[in-house]
Amino acid sequence: MGNGAGSPVPELYGRIAKRFGELIRDCPRDRWGNPSPCPGWTAWDVAAHVVSNHRRALAGLDGSGHSAPVRGEDLARAWRAASGGIEAALGDPVQAGARLGEEFGSLPFEEFVRRMACADTLVHGWDLARATGQDEALDSEAVAVASRMLLPEDGDIRMPGAFGAKISPAADADAQTRLLNFLGRTV
C-alpha cells in the first residue's frame, strides 16, 4: 500500500529510519547533552522519545508493554531494534493491515506508521541534527507527506508537549523550512 502518491510506506519509512539511525550513530559523544529545539529536551531526550514511540507502536500490534529508553542504554542498538521491528511489521501484510487500538486512532498499522512514525521521526531527526551539529537536510518527499498530513491538523496539534506556536516563514522559504516553522521551529 502506498501513501496516495509517491513511495510506498515501507520505502518512505525506510529512508527516514535509516537517516535517523545515521544521526544517532554519528552523534559525537559530547553532544548528547546538548539542548534540542524541543524545550527542556536534550539531544538524548529527542532520540529516546523517538525510540519510545516506535516501541509503543510495536506494542500496539500485540498488546505487549513497552518502555522508554533509560539513561545509559545504547540508543543505537535500541534504534536498530525498534526501527527493525517496524520494518518487519510493514513487510508482513497481516501486521501492516492490523488495526491498532483507539490510542493509535484505530488506524491500520501501516497508516499509523505513515502518519506518526514518518512525521515524528522526520521532524525529530531535524531536532537531533540541529542539537548535535549534523546535516539538517530532510527527505523532500517525507516533508511533503508530513506537510499534507499536519497542516490540516493545525488546531489539534497546538497543545503542551506537542507543537509550539507557528512561526511565519520567509516568502522564499523552502518546503522544509515552511514545515519546521509551522511546527514552531526556528530555522
C-alpha atoms as a PDB file:
ATOM      1  CA  MET A   1       0.000   0.000   0.000  1.00  0.00           C
ATOM      2  CA  GLY A   2       1.285   3.444  -0.785  1.00  0.00           C
ATOM      3  CA  ASN A   3       0.823   6.859   0.735  1.00  0.00           C
ATOM      4  CA  GLY A   4      -1.524   8.052  -2.009  1.00  0.00           C
ATOM      5  CA  ALA A   5       1.257   9.311  -4.231  1.00  0.00           C
ATOM      6  CA  GLY A   6       4.935   8.674  -4.262  1.00  0.00           C
ATOM      7  CA  SER A   7       6.815   5.998  -2.402  1.00  0.00           C
ATOM      8  CA  PRO A   8       5.094   3.110  -0.635  1.00  0.00           C
ATOM      9  CA  VAL A   9       5.073   3.475   3.152  1.00  0.00           C
ATOM     10  CA  PRO A  10       7.780   0.839   3.776  1.00  0.00           C
ATOM     11  CA  GLU A  11      10.148   2.608   1.389  1.00  0.00           C
ATOM     12  CA  LEU A  12       9.430   6.083   2.748  1.00  0.00           C
ATOM     13  CA  TYR A  13       9.720   4.882   6.335  1.00  0.00           C
ATOM     14  CA  GLY A  14      12.922   3.007   5.479  1.00  0.00           C
ATOM     15  CA  ARG A  15      14.615   6.174   4.217  1.00  0.00           C
ATOM     16  CA  ILE A  16      13.551   8.226   7.234  1.00  0.00           C
ATOM     17  CA  ALA A  17      14.555   5.485   9.682  1.00  0.00           C
ATOM     18  CA  LYS A  18      17.931   4.983   8.007  1.00  0.00           C
ATOM     19  CA  ARG A  19      18.682   8.695   8.295  1.00  0.00           C
ATOM     20  CA  PHE A  20      17.604   8.816  11.939  1.00  0.00           C
ATOM     21  CA  GLY A  21      19.864   5.851  12.655  1.00  0.00           C
ATOM     22  CA  GLU A  22      22.772   7.639  10.998  1.00  0.00           C
ATOM     23  CA  LEU A  23      22.171  10.704  13.164  1.00  0.00           C
ATOM     24  CA  ILE A  24      22.274   8.541  16.284  1.00  0.00           C
ATOM     25  CA  ARG A  25      25.328   6.614  15.108  1.00  0.00           C
ATOM     26  CA  ASP A  26      27.244   9.739  14.077  1.00  0.00           C
ATOM     27  CA  CYS A  27      26.384  11.859  17.105  1.00  0.00           C
ATOM     28  CA  PRO A  28      29.578  12.908  18.878  1.00  0.00           C
ATOM     29  CA  ARG A  29      29.523  11.566  22.442  1.00  0.00           C
ATOM     30  CA  ASP A  30      29.962  15.007  23.925  1.00  0.00           C
ATOM     31  CA  ARG A  31      26.822  16.340  22.210  1.00  0.00           C
ATOM     32  CA  TRP A  32      24.155  14.014  23.656  1.00  0.00           C
ATOM     33  CA  GLY A  33      23.532  16.529  26.446  1.00  0.00           C
ATOM     34  CA  ASN A  34      23.151  19.483  24.068  1.00  0.00           C
ATOM     35  CA  PRO A  35      19.817  21.299  24.236  1.00  0.00           C
ATOM     36  CA  SER A  36      17.461  20.494  21.366  1.00  0.00           C
ATOM     37  CA  PRO A  37      14.871  22.696  19.656  1.00  0.00           C
ATOM     38  CA  CYS A  38      12.287  20.899  21.828  1.00  0.00           C
ATOM     39  CA  PRO A  39      12.043  22.962  25.027  1.00  0.00           C
ATOM     40  CA  GLY A  40      13.546  21.151  28.008  1.00  0.00           C
ATOM     41  CA  TRP A  41      14.861  18.235  25.932  1.00  0.00           C
ATOM     42  CA  THR A  42      18.442  17.316  25.166  1.00  0.00           C
ATOM     43  CA  ALA A  43      19.589  15.521  22.040  1.00  0.00           C
ATOM     44  CA  TRP A  44      19.436  12.271  24.043  1.00  0.00           C
ATOM     45  CA  ASP A  45      15.850  13.002  25.089  1.00  0.00           C
ATOM     46  CA  VAL A  46      14.796  13.506  21.449  1.00  0.00           C
ATOM     47  CA  ALA A  47      16.347  10.216  20.319  1.00  0.00           C
ATOM     48  CA  ALA A  48      14.904   8.361  23.319  1.00  0.00           C
ATOM     49  CA  HIS A  49      11.437   9.816  22.594  1.00  0.00           C
ATOM     50  CA  VAL A  50      11.506   8.517  19.003  1.00  0.00           C
ATOM     51  CA  VAL A  51      12.703   5.076  20.119  1.00  0.00           C
ATOM     52  CA  SER A  52       9.953   5.012  22.752  1.00  0.00           C
ATOM     53  CA  ASN A  53       7.272   5.911  20.190  1.00  0.00           C
ATOM     54  CA  HIS A  54       8.472   3.100  17.947  1.00  0.00           C
ATOM     55  CA  ARG A  55       8.364   0.654  20.841  1.00  0.00           C
ATOM     56  CA  ARG A  56       4.855   1.859  21.668  1.00  0.00           C
ATOM     57  CA  ALA A  57       3.685   1.342  18.078  1.00  0.00           C
ATOM     58  CA  LEU A  58       5.095  -2.192  18.030  1.00  0.00           C
ATOM     59  CA  ALA A  59       3.424  -2.938  21.358  1.00  0.00           C
ATOM     60  CA  GLY A  60       0.160  -1.771  19.791  1.00  0.00           C
ATOM     61  CA  LEU A  61       0.344  -4.692  17.384  1.00  0.00           C
ATOM     62  CA  ASP A  62       0.330  -7.386  20.048  1.00  0.00           C
ATOM     63  CA  GLY A  63      -0.847  -5.636  23.194  1.00  0.00           C
ATOM     64  CA  SER A  64       2.509  -6.074  24.899  1.00  0.00           C
ATOM     65  CA  GLY A  65       4.082  -3.488  27.127  1.00  0.00           C
ATOM     66  CA  HIS A  66       6.855  -1.150  26.139  1.00  0.00           C
ATOM     67  CA  SER A  67       9.358   1.025  27.906  1.00  0.00           C
ATOM     68  CA  ALA A  68      11.195   4.196  27.122  1.00  0.00           C
ATOM     69  CA  PRO A  69      14.977   4.015  26.887  1.00  0.00           C
ATOM     70  CA  VAL A  70      16.787   4.667  30.135  1.00  0.00           C
ATOM     71  CA  ARG A  71      19.972   6.663  30.620  1.00  0.00           C
ATOM     72  CA  GLY A  72      22.949   4.540  29.775  1.00  0.00           C
ATOM     73  CA  GLU A  73      21.013   2.387  27.303  1.00  0.00           C
ATOM     74  CA  ASP A  74      22.711   2.015  23.930  1.00  0.00           C
ATOM     75  CA  LEU A  75      20.476   4.219  21.775  1.00  0.00           C
ATOM     76  CA  ALA A  76      21.978   2.980  18.517  1.00  0.00           C
ATOM     77  CA  ARG A  77      21.131  -0.613  19.441  1.00  0.00           C
ATOM     78  CA  ALA A  78      17.694   0.405  20.735  1.00  0.00           C
ATOM     79  CA  TRP A  79      17.021   2.265  17.494  1.00  0.00           C
ATOM     80  CA  ARG A  80      18.087  -0.658  15.312  1.00  0.00           C
ATOM     81  CA  ALA A  81      15.758  -2.987  17.231  1.00  0.00           C
ATOM     82  CA  ALA A  82      12.785  -0.588  17.196  1.00  0.00           C
ATOM     83  CA  SER A  83      13.087   0.506  13.571  1.00  0.00           C
ATOM     84  CA  GLY A  84      13.837  -3.074  12.502  1.00  0.00           C
ATOM     85  CA  GLY A  85      10.640  -4.172  14.229  1.00  0.00           C
ATOM     86  CA  ILE A  86       8.644  -1.513  12.368  1.00  0.00           C
ATOM     87  CA  GLU A  87      10.192  -2.524   9.044  1.00  0.00           C
ATOM     88  CA  ALA A  88       9.465  -6.212   9.701  1.00  0.00           C
ATOM     89  CA  ALA A  89       5.845  -5.445  10.586  1.00  0.00           C
ATOM     90  CA  LEU A  90       5.444  -3.319   7.447  1.00  0.00           C
ATOM     91  CA  GLY A  91       6.789  -6.257   5.430  1.00  0.00           C
ATOM     92  CA  ASP A  92       4.133  -8.614   6.832  1.00  0.00           C
ATOM     93  CA  PRO A  93       0.749  -7.974   5.149  1.00  0.00           C
ATOM     94  CA  VAL A  94      -1.168  -9.209   8.209  1.00  0.00           C
ATOM     95  CA  GLN A  95       0.678  -6.919  10.613  1.00  0.00           C
ATOM     96  CA  ALA A  96       0.775  -3.988   8.175  1.00  0.00           C
ATOM     97  CA  GLY A  97      -3.006  -4.156   7.863  1.00  0.00           C
ATOM     98  CA  ALA A  98      -3.741  -4.848  11.529  1.00  0.00           C
ATOM     99  CA  ARG A  99      -5.910  -2.189  13.155  1.00  0.00           C
ATOM    100  CA  LEU A 100      -4.375  -0.612  16.209  1.00  0.00           C
ATOM    101  CA  GLY A 101      -6.468   0.390  19.210  1.00  0.00           C
ATOM    102  CA  GLU A 102      -8.072   3.727  19.994  1.00  0.00           C
ATOM    103  CA  GLU A 103      -4.815   5.016  21.497  1.00  0.00           C
ATOM    104  CA  PHE A 104      -3.500   4.937  17.918  1.00  0.00           C
ATOM    105  CA  GLY A 105      -6.631   6.337  16.270  1.00  0.00           C
ATOM    106  CA  SER A 106      -7.857   2.846  15.315  1.00  0.00           C
ATOM    107  CA  LEU A 107      -5.693   3.093  12.206  1.00  0.00           C
ATOM    108  CA  PRO A 108      -4.167   0.184  10.306  1.00  0.00           C
ATOM    109  CA  PHE A 109      -0.536  -0.200  11.409  1.00  0.00           C
ATOM    110  CA  GLU A 110       0.836   0.898   8.022  1.00  0.00           C
ATOM    111  CA  GLU A 111      -1.250   4.078   8.055  1.00  0.00           C
ATOM    112  CA  PHE A 112      -0.189   4.805  11.618  1.00  0.00           C
ATOM    113  CA  VAL A 113       3.463   4.448  10.573  1.00  0.00           C
ATOM    114  CA  ARG A 114       2.904   6.793   7.632  1.00  0.00           C
ATOM    115  CA  ARG A 115       1.235   9.379   9.829  1.00  0.00           C
ATOM    116  CA  MET A 116       3.002   9.264  13.170  1.00  0.00           C
ATOM    117  CA  ALA A 117       6.282   7.462  12.742  1.00  0.00           C
ATOM    118  CA  CYS A 118       7.250   9.137   9.489  1.00  0.00           C
ATOM    119  CA  ALA A 119       6.355  12.669  10.626  1.00  0.00           C
ATOM    120  CA  ASP A 120       7.580  12.220  14.215  1.00  0.00           C
ATOM    121  CA  THR A 121      10.826  10.558  13.174  1.00  0.00           C
ATOM    122  CA  LEU A 122      11.362  13.016  10.335  1.00  0.00           C
ATOM    123  CA  VAL A 123      10.891  16.175  12.391  1.00  0.00           C
ATOM    124  CA  HIS A 124      12.744  14.869  15.422  1.00  0.00           C
ATOM    125  CA  GLY A 125      15.538  13.885  13.043  1.00  0.00           C
ATOM    126  CA  TRP A 126      15.892  17.573  12.279  1.00  0.00           C
ATOM    127  CA  ASP A 127      15.793  18.348  16.017  1.00  0.00           C
ATOM    128  CA  LEU A 128      18.549  15.801  16.658  1.00  0.00           C
ATOM    129  CA  ALA A 129      20.655  17.098  13.773  1.00  0.00           C
ATOM    130  CA  ARG A 130      20.255  20.696  14.949  1.00  0.00           C
ATOM    131  CA  ALA A 131      21.146  19.810  18.540  1.00  0.00           C
ATOM    132  CA  THR A 132      24.234  17.852  17.569  1.00  0.00           C
ATOM    133  CA  GLY A 133      25.575  19.922  14.678  1.00  0.00           C
ATOM    134  CA  GLN A 134      24.825  17.371  11.962  1.00  0.00           C
ATOM    135  CA  ASP A 135      23.347  17.761   8.469  1.00  0.00           C
ATOM    136  CA  GLU A 136      19.789  19.100   8.848  1.00  0.00           C
ATOM    137  CA  ALA A 137      18.519  18.211   5.369  1.00  0.00           C
ATOM    138  CA  LEU A 138      15.281  16.219   5.393  1.00  0.00           C
ATOM    139  CA  ASP A 139      13.887  13.826   2.798  1.00  0.00           C
ATOM    140  CA  SER A 140      11.887  16.080   0.454  1.00  0.00           C
ATOM    141  CA  GLU A 141       9.133  13.534  -0.211  1.00  0.00           C
ATOM    142  CA  ALA A 142       8.736  12.927   3.529  1.00  0.00           C
ATOM    143  CA  VAL A 143       8.500  16.698   4.089  1.00  0.00           C
ATOM    144  CA  ALA A 144       5.682  16.837   1.517  1.00  0.00           C
ATOM    145  CA  VAL A 145       3.860  13.884   3.128  1.00  0.00           C
ATOM    146  CA  ALA A 146       4.247  15.350   6.627  1.00  0.00           C
ATOM    147  CA  SER A 147       3.059  18.759   5.422  1.00  0.00           C
ATOM    148  CA  ARG A 148      -0.055  17.324   3.744  1.00  0.00           C
ATOM    149  CA  MET A 149      -0.825  15.425   6.917  1.00  0.00           C
ATOM    150  CA  LEU A 150      -0.047  18.048   9.577  1.00  0.00           C
ATOM    151  CA  LEU A 151      -1.189  21.343   8.067  1.00  0.00           C
ATOM    152  CA  PRO A 152      -4.915  20.428   8.197  1.00  0.00           C
ATOM    153  CA  GLU A 153      -4.484  19.410  11.870  1.00  0.00           C
ATOM    154  CA  ASP A 154      -3.201  22.822  12.919  1.00  0.00           C
ATOM    155  CA  GLY A 155      -5.611  23.364  15.822  1.00  0.00           C
ATOM    156  CA  ASP A 156      -5.330  19.781  17.067  1.00  0.00           C
ATOM    157  CA  ILE A 157      -1.538  19.784  17.381  1.00  0.00           C
ATOM    158  CA  ARG A 158      -1.148  23.036  19.349  1.00  0.00           C
ATOM    159  CA  MET A 159      -1.017  21.695  22.879  1.00  0.00           C
ATOM    160  CA  PRO A 160       1.519  21.473  25.691  1.00  0.00           C
ATOM    161  CA  GLY A 161       4.144  18.851  24.954  1.00  0.00           C
ATOM    162  CA  ALA A 162       3.301  18.771  21.256  1.00  0.00           C
ATOM    163  CA  PHE A 163       3.968  21.690  18.932  1.00  0.00           C
ATOM    164  CA  GLY A 164       4.535  25.316  19.759  1.00  0.00           C
ATOM    165  CA  ALA A 165       3.200  28.391  18.046  1.00  0.00           C
ATOM    166  CA  LYS A 166       3.720  28.694  14.318  1.00  0.00           C
ATOM    167  CA  ILE A 167       6.474  30.929  13.013  1.00  0.00           C
ATOM    168  CA  SER A 168       5.839  32.920   9.839  1.00  0.00           C
ATOM    169  CA  PRO A 169       8.280  31.684   7.210  1.00  0.00           C
ATOM    170  CA  ALA A 170      10.128  33.983   4.854  1.00  0.00           C
ATOM    171  CA  ALA A 171       8.395  34.460   1.493  1.00  0.00           C
ATOM    172  CA  ASP A 172      11.113  32.468  -0.258  1.00  0.00           C
ATOM    173  CA  ALA A 173      11.309  29.662   2.347  1.00  0.00           C
ATOM    174  CA  ASP A 174      11.690  26.141   1.025  1.00  0.00           C
ATOM    175  CA  ALA A 175       9.241  23.347   1.889  1.00  0.00           C
ATOM    176  CA  GLN A 176      11.407  22.028   4.745  1.00  0.00           C
ATOM    177  CA  THR A 177      11.649  25.459   6.371  1.00  0.00           C
ATOM    178  CA  ARG A 178       7.902  26.066   5.948  1.00  0.00           C
ATOM    179  CA  LEU A 179       7.107  22.721   7.661  1.00  0.00           C
ATOM    180  CA  LEU A 180       9.547  23.344  10.500  1.00  0.00           C
ATOM    181  CA  ASN A 181       8.251  26.904  11.019  1.00  0.00           C
ATOM    182  CA  PHE A 182       4.680  25.574  11.013  1.00  0.00           C
ATOM    183  CA  LEU A 183       5.745  23.229  13.821  1.00  0.00           C
ATOM    184  CA  GLY A 184       7.243  26.096  15.822  1.00  0.00           C
ATOM    185  CA  ARG A 185      10.882  25.512  14.994  1.00  0.00           C
ATOM    186  CA  THR A 186      13.212  28.392  14.276  1.00  0.00           C
ATOM    187  CA  VAL A 187      15.395  27.506  11.321  1.00  0.00           C
END
